[in-house]
Amino acid sequence: MELLSPAGSREALTAAVQNGADAVYFGGGSFNARRFADNFEGDGIISAVDYCHERGVCAYITLNTLVFDRELCDALVFAEQLYRIGVDAVLVQDLGLAGLIRRNLPELTLHASTQMGIHDLLPSDYKLFAISILFQETFAYSAGVSSPPSSGVSGTSGVSSPLIRAST
C-alpha cells in the first residue's frame, strides 16, 4: 500500500514528505485539474522532484485534463521534460495523450488519473482494456468508490488489473 498525498504548494509538499507520504502528486503550470493551486513551474518542478527523491518519496506530476488537438504537441513536450527531470510517473486523464506518451516516451510511467472517472467497481471492458494497455495495468478508482475489490478486476475481456486507490 502506498500513502499518496496531494501537494498543491511547496508548503503542502514539505508537510506531506515530512509526515510520512510514500508519494506526492502535484501539477505544473498547465494540463492539470488543480489550476487554482500554487502548482510548480520550471525550476520549481525540478526542485520539488529533487526534494522528494532525496527523501525516498516518489514524485508524480498531474497531466489530468482533457487535451485539445492544438495542445497535444505542447502536452507531449511537457511530458518529455518531466521524463528528463526524472519524475516517477505522470497521472493522465486523456486516453489520446496517454497513447502519444506511451508511443513516444515508453519508459515514462503512466498512471490513470481518477479524473478518468473510473467510478464503478467493474469498468467497461473497453475502458479496462484501454487502461491496461496504456497504463501498464495500473489505474486508480475515483475517491467516491467506497470499497473497490481487494484484488485485480477482470471483465469479459480477460484483462486483469491491480488496483490503486487515489484522489486527484
N, C-alpha and C. Protein backbone atom coordinates (compact mmCIF):
# COMPACT_ATOMS: atom_id res chain seq x y z
N MET A 1 0.85 -1.17 0.00
CA MET A 1 0.00 0.00 0.00
C MET A 1 0.89 1.23 0.00
N GLU A 2 0.47 2.26 -0.72
CA GLU A 2 1.22 3.50 -0.83
C GLU A 2 0.39 4.65 -0.29
N LEU A 3 0.99 5.45 0.57
CA LEU A 3 0.33 6.65 1.06
C LEU A 3 0.65 7.77 0.08
N LEU A 4 -0.36 8.19 -0.68
CA LEU A 4 -0.21 9.20 -1.71
C LEU A 4 -0.90 10.48 -1.26
N SER A 5 -0.18 11.59 -1.33
CA SER A 5 -0.71 12.85 -0.83
C SER A 5 -0.66 13.93 -1.90
N PRO A 6 -1.70 14.77 -1.99
CA PRO A 6 -1.63 15.90 -2.90
C PRO A 6 -0.68 16.96 -2.35
N ALA A 7 -0.07 17.71 -3.25
CA ALA A 7 0.85 18.77 -2.84
C ALA A 7 0.61 19.97 -3.75
N GLY A 8 -0.36 20.79 -3.41
CA GLY A 8 -0.71 21.94 -4.22
C GLY A 8 0.16 23.15 -4.01
N SER A 9 1.14 23.05 -3.14
CA SER A 9 2.07 24.15 -2.89
C SER A 9 3.36 23.56 -2.31
N ARG A 10 4.39 24.37 -2.25
CA ARG A 10 5.66 23.91 -1.67
C ARG A 10 5.46 23.53 -0.20
N GLU A 11 4.65 24.31 0.51
CA GLU A 11 4.39 24.03 1.92
C GLU A 11 3.68 22.69 2.08
N ALA A 12 2.70 22.42 1.23
CA ALA A 12 1.98 21.15 1.30
C ALA A 12 2.89 19.97 0.95
N LEU A 13 3.77 20.18 -0.02
CA LEU A 13 4.73 19.14 -0.40
C LEU A 13 5.64 18.80 0.77
N THR A 14 6.18 19.83 1.40
CA THR A 14 7.08 19.63 2.54
C THR A 14 6.35 18.92 3.68
N ALA A 15 5.14 19.35 3.97
CA ALA A 15 4.37 18.72 5.05
C ALA A 15 4.08 17.26 4.75
N ALA A 16 3.71 16.95 3.51
CA ALA A 16 3.41 15.56 3.14
C ALA A 16 4.64 14.69 3.27
N VAL A 17 5.77 15.16 2.78
CA VAL A 17 7.01 14.38 2.84
C VAL A 17 7.45 14.20 4.29
N GLN A 18 7.41 15.26 5.08
CA GLN A 18 7.87 15.18 6.46
C GLN A 18 6.94 14.36 7.35
N ASN A 19 5.71 14.15 6.89
CA ASN A 19 4.76 13.39 7.71
C ASN A 19 4.49 11.99 7.17
N GLY A 20 5.39 11.48 6.34
CA GLY A 20 5.36 10.07 6.01
C GLY A 20 4.72 9.66 4.69
N ALA A 21 4.43 10.58 3.80
CA ALA A 21 3.89 10.18 2.50
C ALA A 21 4.92 9.35 1.75
N ASP A 22 4.45 8.30 1.10
CA ASP A 22 5.32 7.50 0.24
C ASP A 22 5.48 8.14 -1.13
N ALA A 23 4.46 8.91 -1.51
CA ALA A 23 4.46 9.58 -2.80
C ALA A 23 3.61 10.84 -2.69
N VAL A 24 3.92 11.81 -3.53
CA VAL A 24 3.11 13.02 -3.62
C VAL A 24 2.80 13.27 -5.09
N TYR A 25 1.69 13.95 -5.33
CA TYR A 25 1.39 14.37 -6.69
C TYR A 25 1.10 15.85 -6.71
N PHE A 26 1.52 16.48 -7.79
CA PHE A 26 1.32 17.91 -7.94
C PHE A 26 1.34 18.26 -9.42
N GLY A 27 0.86 19.45 -9.73
CA GLY A 27 0.77 19.87 -11.12
C GLY A 27 1.81 20.90 -11.48
N GLY A 28 2.01 20.99 -12.78
CA GLY A 28 2.83 22.06 -13.33
C GLY A 28 1.92 23.23 -13.65
N GLY A 29 2.40 24.14 -14.47
CA GLY A 29 1.63 25.33 -14.77
C GLY A 29 0.43 25.09 -15.69
N SER A 30 0.41 23.97 -16.38
CA SER A 30 -0.69 23.69 -17.30
C SER A 30 -0.97 22.19 -17.34
N PHE A 31 -2.08 21.86 -17.95
CA PHE A 31 -2.51 20.47 -18.14
C PHE A 31 -2.80 19.75 -16.84
N ASN A 32 -3.21 20.47 -15.82
CA ASN A 32 -3.61 19.80 -14.59
C ASN A 32 -4.91 20.38 -14.08
N ALA A 33 -5.67 19.57 -13.37
CA ALA A 33 -7.01 19.94 -12.93
C ALA A 33 -7.02 20.85 -11.71
N ARG A 34 -5.87 21.10 -11.12
CA ARG A 34 -5.80 21.95 -9.93
C ARG A 34 -5.22 23.31 -10.31
N ARG A 35 -5.89 24.00 -11.21
CA ARG A 35 -5.35 25.25 -11.72
C ARG A 35 -5.33 26.37 -10.70
N PHE A 36 -6.09 26.25 -9.62
CA PHE A 36 -6.09 27.30 -8.60
C PHE A 36 -5.11 26.99 -7.46
N ALA A 37 -4.44 25.85 -7.54
CA ALA A 37 -3.39 25.55 -6.57
C ALA A 37 -2.16 26.38 -6.95
N ASP A 38 -1.19 26.45 -6.07
CA ASP A 38 0.03 27.20 -6.38
C ASP A 38 0.80 26.56 -7.53
N ASN A 39 0.75 25.24 -7.63
CA ASN A 39 1.41 24.48 -8.69
C ASN A 39 2.91 24.78 -8.76
N PHE A 40 3.59 24.02 -9.57
CA PHE A 40 5.04 24.12 -9.68
C PHE A 40 5.38 24.33 -11.15
N GLU A 41 6.27 25.25 -11.43
CA GLU A 41 6.66 25.52 -12.81
C GLU A 41 8.18 25.63 -12.90
N GLY A 42 8.70 25.30 -14.08
CA GLY A 42 10.13 25.46 -14.36
C GLY A 42 11.02 24.81 -13.32
N ASP A 43 11.90 25.62 -12.74
CA ASP A 43 12.83 25.12 -11.73
C ASP A 43 12.11 24.64 -10.48
N GLY A 44 10.90 25.14 -10.25
CA GLY A 44 10.13 24.70 -9.09
C GLY A 44 9.78 23.22 -9.16
N ILE A 45 9.50 22.71 -10.36
CA ILE A 45 9.23 21.27 -10.52
C ILE A 45 10.50 20.48 -10.24
N ILE A 46 11.60 20.94 -10.81
CA ILE A 46 12.88 20.24 -10.61
C ILE A 46 13.22 20.20 -9.13
N SER A 47 13.09 21.32 -8.46
CA SER A 47 13.39 21.40 -7.03
C SER A 47 12.48 20.49 -6.22
N ALA A 48 11.20 20.46 -6.56
CA ALA A 48 10.24 19.62 -5.83
C ALA A 48 10.55 18.13 -6.02
N VAL A 49 10.85 17.74 -7.25
CA VAL A 49 11.18 16.34 -7.53
C VAL A 49 12.47 15.95 -6.80
N ASP A 50 13.47 16.81 -6.85
CA ASP A 50 14.73 16.54 -6.14
C ASP A 50 14.48 16.41 -4.63
N TYR A 51 13.68 17.31 -4.07
CA TYR A 51 13.37 17.26 -2.64
C TYR A 51 12.75 15.91 -2.28
N CYS A 52 11.80 15.47 -3.08
CA CYS A 52 11.15 14.17 -2.82
C CYS A 52 12.15 13.03 -2.92
N HIS A 53 12.89 12.99 -4.01
CA HIS A 53 13.81 11.87 -4.24
C HIS A 53 14.91 11.80 -3.19
N GLU A 54 15.38 12.94 -2.72
CA GLU A 54 16.41 12.95 -1.68
C GLU A 54 15.90 12.33 -0.38
N ARG A 55 14.59 12.26 -0.23
CA ARG A 55 13.97 11.72 0.99
C ARG A 55 13.25 10.40 0.74
N GLY A 56 13.49 9.80 -0.42
CA GLY A 56 12.92 8.49 -0.73
C GLY A 56 11.43 8.51 -1.03
N VAL A 57 10.91 9.64 -1.48
CA VAL A 57 9.49 9.80 -1.78
C VAL A 57 9.32 9.92 -3.29
N CYS A 58 8.32 9.24 -3.82
CA CYS A 58 8.03 9.31 -5.25
C CYS A 58 7.32 10.61 -5.59
N ALA A 59 7.64 11.17 -6.75
CA ALA A 59 7.02 12.40 -7.22
C ALA A 59 6.24 12.12 -8.50
N TYR A 60 4.92 12.31 -8.43
CA TYR A 60 4.04 12.12 -9.58
C TYR A 60 3.54 13.50 -10.01
N ILE A 61 3.54 13.74 -11.31
CA ILE A 61 3.06 15.01 -11.83
C ILE A 61 1.75 14.77 -12.57
N THR A 62 0.80 15.67 -12.36
CA THR A 62 -0.51 15.52 -12.99
C THR A 62 -0.54 16.14 -14.38
N LEU A 63 -1.01 15.35 -15.33
CA LEU A 63 -1.40 15.80 -16.67
C LEU A 63 -2.85 15.35 -16.81
N ASN A 64 -3.68 15.79 -15.89
CA ASN A 64 -5.00 15.19 -15.72
C ASN A 64 -6.15 16.09 -16.19
N THR A 65 -5.97 16.63 -17.39
CA THR A 65 -7.07 17.33 -18.04
C THR A 65 -7.24 16.74 -19.44
N LEU A 66 -8.38 16.97 -20.03
CA LEU A 66 -8.57 16.59 -21.43
C LEU A 66 -7.82 17.62 -22.27
N VAL A 67 -7.13 17.15 -23.28
CA VAL A 67 -6.25 18.00 -24.08
C VAL A 67 -6.86 18.19 -25.46
N PHE A 68 -6.95 19.44 -25.90
CA PHE A 68 -7.41 19.75 -27.25
C PHE A 68 -6.34 19.35 -28.26
N ASP A 69 -6.76 19.09 -29.49
CA ASP A 69 -5.81 18.72 -30.54
C ASP A 69 -4.68 19.73 -30.65
N ARG A 70 -5.00 21.00 -30.58
CA ARG A 70 -3.99 22.05 -30.73
C ARG A 70 -2.99 22.08 -29.56
N GLU A 71 -3.31 21.39 -28.46
CA GLU A 71 -2.45 21.36 -27.27
C GLU A 71 -1.59 20.10 -27.17
N LEU A 72 -1.85 19.13 -28.04
CA LEU A 72 -1.18 17.83 -27.91
C LEU A 72 0.33 17.95 -27.98
N CYS A 73 0.84 18.73 -28.91
CA CYS A 73 2.29 18.88 -29.04
C CYS A 73 2.90 19.46 -27.76
N ASP A 74 2.28 20.52 -27.24
CA ASP A 74 2.78 21.14 -26.01
C ASP A 74 2.71 20.17 -24.83
N ALA A 75 1.63 19.40 -24.75
CA ALA A 75 1.49 18.43 -23.66
C ALA A 75 2.56 17.34 -23.76
N LEU A 76 2.84 16.90 -24.98
CA LEU A 76 3.87 15.87 -25.17
C LEU A 76 5.26 16.41 -24.85
N VAL A 77 5.52 17.65 -25.22
CA VAL A 77 6.80 18.29 -24.88
C VAL A 77 6.94 18.39 -23.36
N PHE A 78 5.87 18.78 -22.68
CA PHE A 78 5.89 18.86 -21.22
C PHE A 78 6.15 17.48 -20.61
N ALA A 79 5.50 16.44 -21.15
CA ALA A 79 5.73 15.08 -20.65
C ALA A 79 7.19 14.68 -20.84
N GLU A 80 7.79 15.07 -21.97
CA GLU A 80 9.20 14.75 -22.20
C GLU A 80 10.09 15.48 -21.19
N GLN A 81 9.76 16.74 -20.88
CA GLN A 81 10.52 17.48 -19.87
C GLN A 81 10.42 16.77 -18.52
N LEU A 82 9.24 16.30 -18.18
CA LEU A 82 9.05 15.59 -16.91
C LEU A 82 9.87 14.30 -16.89
N TYR A 83 9.90 13.60 -18.00
CA TYR A 83 10.69 12.38 -18.10
C TYR A 83 12.18 12.69 -17.87
N ARG A 84 12.66 13.75 -18.49
CA ARG A 84 14.07 14.13 -18.34
C ARG A 84 14.40 14.57 -16.91
N ILE A 85 13.45 15.20 -16.25
CA ILE A 85 13.63 15.60 -14.85
C ILE A 85 13.76 14.37 -13.96
N GLY A 86 13.07 13.30 -14.33
CA GLY A 86 13.14 12.07 -13.55
C GLY A 86 11.94 11.84 -12.66
N VAL A 87 10.77 12.38 -13.04
CA VAL A 87 9.57 12.11 -12.23
C VAL A 87 9.31 10.61 -12.23
N ASP A 88 8.66 10.15 -11.19
CA ASP A 88 8.39 8.72 -11.07
C ASP A 88 7.22 8.27 -11.93
N ALA A 89 6.28 9.17 -12.18
CA ALA A 89 5.13 8.85 -13.04
C ALA A 89 4.38 10.13 -13.34
N VAL A 90 3.55 10.07 -14.38
CA VAL A 90 2.60 11.14 -14.63
C VAL A 90 1.20 10.56 -14.51
N LEU A 91 0.30 11.35 -13.94
CA LEU A 91 -1.10 10.96 -13.79
C LEU A 91 -1.87 11.59 -14.96
N VAL A 92 -2.45 10.75 -15.81
CA VAL A 92 -3.04 11.23 -17.06
C VAL A 92 -4.54 10.93 -17.09
N GLN A 93 -5.30 11.88 -17.63
CA GLN A 93 -6.73 11.67 -17.83
C GLN A 93 -7.05 11.32 -19.28
N ASP A 94 -6.42 11.98 -20.22
CA ASP A 94 -6.76 11.90 -21.63
C ASP A 94 -6.15 10.64 -22.26
N LEU A 95 -7.01 9.74 -22.75
CA LEU A 95 -6.52 8.49 -23.36
C LEU A 95 -5.69 8.76 -24.61
N GLY A 96 -6.05 9.78 -25.38
CA GLY A 96 -5.27 10.13 -26.57
C GLY A 96 -3.87 10.57 -26.20
N LEU A 97 -3.76 11.43 -25.20
CA LEU A 97 -2.44 11.87 -24.73
C LEU A 97 -1.66 10.69 -24.16
N ALA A 98 -2.35 9.83 -23.42
CA ALA A 98 -1.67 8.65 -22.86
C ALA A 98 -1.08 7.80 -23.98
N GLY A 99 -1.84 7.63 -25.06
CA GLY A 99 -1.33 6.86 -26.20
C GLY A 99 -0.10 7.49 -26.83
N LEU A 100 -0.12 8.81 -26.98
CA LEU A 100 1.04 9.51 -27.53
C LEU A 100 2.26 9.40 -26.62
N ILE A 101 2.03 9.55 -25.33
CA ILE A 101 3.14 9.42 -24.38
C ILE A 101 3.69 8.00 -24.43
N ARG A 102 2.82 7.01 -24.42
CA ARG A 102 3.27 5.62 -24.45
C ARG A 102 4.09 5.35 -25.70
N ARG A 103 3.66 5.90 -26.85
CA ARG A 103 4.36 5.67 -28.11
C ARG A 103 5.70 6.40 -28.15
N ASN A 104 5.74 7.64 -27.66
CA ASN A 104 6.94 8.47 -27.79
C ASN A 104 7.88 8.42 -26.60
N LEU A 105 7.36 8.09 -25.43
CA LEU A 105 8.16 8.03 -24.21
C LEU A 105 7.84 6.73 -23.47
N PRO A 106 8.16 5.60 -24.06
CA PRO A 106 7.72 4.32 -23.48
C PRO A 106 8.27 4.05 -22.08
N GLU A 107 9.34 4.70 -21.69
CA GLU A 107 9.92 4.48 -20.37
C GLU A 107 9.25 5.32 -19.28
N LEU A 108 8.45 6.30 -19.66
CA LEU A 108 7.77 7.16 -18.69
C LEU A 108 6.57 6.40 -18.13
N THR A 109 6.54 6.23 -16.83
CA THR A 109 5.44 5.50 -16.19
C THR A 109 4.18 6.36 -16.20
N LEU A 110 3.08 5.75 -16.64
CA LEU A 110 1.79 6.42 -16.67
C LEU A 110 0.88 5.82 -15.62
N HIS A 111 0.16 6.67 -14.91
CA HIS A 111 -0.90 6.24 -14.02
C HIS A 111 -2.19 6.90 -14.50
N ALA A 112 -3.26 6.15 -14.50
CA ALA A 112 -4.55 6.70 -14.89
C ALA A 112 -5.08 7.54 -13.74
N SER A 113 -5.37 8.79 -14.03
CA SER A 113 -5.88 9.70 -13.01
C SER A 113 -7.32 9.34 -12.65
N THR A 114 -7.69 9.66 -11.44
CA THR A 114 -9.10 9.48 -11.06
C THR A 114 -9.99 10.40 -11.88
N GLN A 115 -9.41 11.40 -12.52
CA GLN A 115 -10.18 12.27 -13.41
C GLN A 115 -10.76 11.49 -14.59
N MET A 116 -10.26 10.28 -14.83
CA MET A 116 -10.81 9.45 -15.91
C MET A 116 -12.21 8.97 -15.57
N GLY A 117 -12.60 9.08 -14.32
CA GLY A 117 -13.96 8.69 -13.95
C GLY A 117 -14.14 7.19 -13.81
N ILE A 118 -13.14 6.51 -13.31
CA ILE A 118 -13.28 5.08 -13.06
C ILE A 118 -14.00 4.96 -11.73
N HIS A 119 -15.30 5.11 -11.78
CA HIS A 119 -16.08 5.23 -10.55
C HIS A 119 -17.01 4.05 -10.31
N ASP A 120 -16.95 3.06 -11.17
CA ASP A 120 -17.73 1.86 -10.89
C ASP A 120 -16.77 0.73 -10.56
N LEU A 121 -17.25 -0.25 -9.84
CA LEU A 121 -16.38 -1.33 -9.40
C LEU A 121 -15.89 -2.19 -10.55
N LEU A 122 -16.68 -2.31 -11.59
CA LEU A 122 -16.28 -3.09 -12.75
C LEU A 122 -16.37 -2.21 -14.00
N PRO A 123 -15.28 -1.53 -14.35
CA PRO A 123 -15.31 -0.67 -15.53
C PRO A 123 -15.67 -1.48 -16.77
N SER A 124 -16.15 -0.79 -17.80
CA SER A 124 -16.49 -1.47 -19.04
C SER A 124 -15.27 -2.18 -19.60
N ASP A 125 -15.51 -3.22 -20.36
CA ASP A 125 -14.40 -3.96 -20.95
C ASP A 125 -13.52 -3.05 -21.81
N TYR A 126 -14.15 -2.13 -22.57
CA TYR A 126 -13.37 -1.22 -23.41
C TYR A 126 -12.44 -0.37 -22.56
N LYS A 127 -12.99 0.26 -21.52
CA LYS A 127 -12.17 1.14 -20.69
C LYS A 127 -11.08 0.34 -19.99
N LEU A 128 -11.42 -0.81 -19.47
CA LEU A 128 -10.43 -1.65 -18.80
C LEU A 128 -9.34 -2.09 -19.76
N PHE A 129 -9.71 -2.45 -20.97
CA PHE A 129 -8.74 -2.88 -21.97
C PHE A 129 -7.79 -1.72 -22.31
N ALA A 130 -8.35 -0.54 -22.60
CA ALA A 130 -7.53 0.62 -22.95
C ALA A 130 -6.60 0.99 -21.80
N ILE A 131 -7.13 1.00 -20.60
CA ILE A 131 -6.33 1.35 -19.43
C ILE A 131 -5.21 0.35 -19.21
N SER A 132 -5.51 -0.93 -19.35
CA SER A 132 -4.50 -1.95 -19.08
C SER A 132 -3.34 -1.86 -20.07
N ILE A 133 -3.64 -1.48 -21.30
CA ILE A 133 -2.58 -1.35 -22.30
C ILE A 133 -1.77 -0.07 -22.07
N LEU A 134 -2.46 1.04 -21.91
CA LEU A 134 -1.78 2.33 -21.84
C LEU A 134 -1.12 2.59 -20.49
N PHE A 135 -1.69 2.07 -19.44
CA PHE A 135 -1.20 2.40 -18.11
C PHE A 135 -0.54 1.22 -17.42
N GLN A 136 -0.05 0.27 -18.19
CA GLN A 136 0.69 -0.86 -17.65
C GLN A 136 -0.11 -1.55 -16.55
N GLU A 137 -1.41 -1.69 -16.78
CA GLU A 137 -2.32 -2.43 -15.93
C GLU A 137 -2.48 -1.85 -14.53
N THR A 138 -2.28 -0.56 -14.37
CA THR A 138 -2.49 0.08 -13.07
C THR A 138 -3.41 1.26 -13.25
N PHE A 139 -4.45 1.36 -12.42
CA PHE A 139 -5.34 2.50 -12.50
C PHE A 139 -5.89 2.82 -11.14
N ALA A 140 -6.48 3.99 -11.03
CA ALA A 140 -6.99 4.45 -9.75
C ALA A 140 -8.50 4.62 -9.83
N TYR A 141 -9.20 4.10 -8.86
CA TYR A 141 -10.63 4.35 -8.76
C TYR A 141 -10.86 5.76 -8.24
N SER A 142 -11.97 6.35 -8.65
CA SER A 142 -12.34 7.66 -8.13
C SER A 142 -12.54 7.58 -6.62
N ALA A 143 -12.35 8.70 -5.95
CA ALA A 143 -12.46 8.74 -4.50
C ALA A 143 -13.84 8.32 -4.02
N GLY A 144 -14.87 8.47 -4.85
CA GLY A 144 -16.24 8.14 -4.45
C GLY A 144 -16.53 6.66 -4.37
N VAL A 145 -15.65 5.81 -4.86
CA VAL A 145 -15.86 4.36 -4.77
C VAL A 145 -15.55 3.94 -3.35
N SER A 146 -16.57 3.46 -2.66
CA SER A 146 -16.40 3.21 -1.23
C SER A 146 -15.54 1.98 -0.94
N SER A 147 -15.63 0.95 -1.74
CA SER A 147 -14.81 -0.23 -1.45
C SER A 147 -14.50 -0.98 -2.74
N PRO A 148 -13.40 -0.58 -3.42
CA PRO A 148 -13.02 -1.32 -4.61
C PRO A 148 -12.63 -2.74 -4.24
N PRO A 149 -12.72 -3.65 -5.19
CA PRO A 149 -12.33 -5.03 -4.89
C PRO A 149 -10.91 -5.09 -4.36
N SER A 150 -10.62 -6.07 -3.54
CA SER A 150 -9.30 -6.15 -2.92
C SER A 150 -8.28 -6.80 -3.84
N SER A 151 -8.70 -7.36 -4.95
CA SER A 151 -7.75 -7.95 -5.89
C SER A 151 -8.04 -7.40 -7.27
N GLY A 152 -7.32 -7.90 -8.26
CA GLY A 152 -7.48 -7.42 -9.62
C GLY A 152 -8.89 -7.60 -10.15
N VAL A 153 -9.26 -6.77 -11.10
CA VAL A 153 -10.57 -6.82 -11.73
C VAL A 153 -10.38 -7.46 -13.09
N SER A 154 -11.26 -8.34 -13.47
CA SER A 154 -11.20 -8.93 -14.78
C SER A 154 -12.59 -8.95 -15.38
N GLY A 155 -12.77 -8.23 -16.47
CA GLY A 155 -14.04 -8.24 -17.17
C GLY A 155 -14.07 -9.39 -18.15
N THR A 156 -15.01 -9.39 -19.06
CA THR A 156 -15.08 -10.47 -20.03
C THR A 156 -13.92 -10.43 -21.01
N SER A 157 -13.17 -9.32 -21.05
CA SER A 157 -12.01 -9.23 -21.93
C SER A 157 -10.87 -10.11 -21.42
N GLY A 158 -10.93 -10.54 -20.17
CA GLY A 158 -9.87 -11.37 -19.61
C GLY A 158 -8.68 -10.57 -19.11
N VAL A 159 -8.72 -9.26 -19.21
CA VAL A 159 -7.62 -8.41 -18.73
C VAL A 159 -7.76 -8.26 -17.23
N SER A 160 -6.71 -8.56 -16.51
CA SER A 160 -6.72 -8.40 -15.07
C SER A 160 -5.86 -7.21 -14.71
N SER A 161 -6.30 -6.42 -13.75
CA SER A 161 -5.58 -5.21 -13.41
C SER A 161 -5.47 -5.02 -11.91
N PRO A 162 -4.24 -4.84 -11.37
CA PRO A 162 -4.11 -4.50 -9.96
C PRO A 162 -4.71 -3.13 -9.71
N LEU A 163 -5.12 -2.88 -8.50
CA LEU A 163 -5.83 -1.65 -8.19
C LEU A 163 -5.01 -0.73 -7.30
N ILE A 164 -5.14 0.55 -7.56
CA ILE A 164 -4.60 1.59 -6.69
C ILE A 164 -5.75 2.53 -6.42
N ARG A 165 -5.87 3.02 -5.23
CA ARG A 165 -6.92 3.99 -4.91
C ARG A 165 -6.26 5.32 -4.60
N ALA A 166 -6.68 6.34 -5.27
CA ALA A 166 -6.05 7.65 -5.09
C ALA A 166 -7.10 8.72 -5.17
N SER A 167 -6.71 9.94 -4.94
CA SER A 167 -7.62 11.06 -5.05
C SER A 167 -6.91 12.20 -5.74
N THR A 168 -7.26 12.45 -7.01
CA THR A 168 -6.65 13.58 -7.75
C THR A 168 -7.72 14.54 -8.18
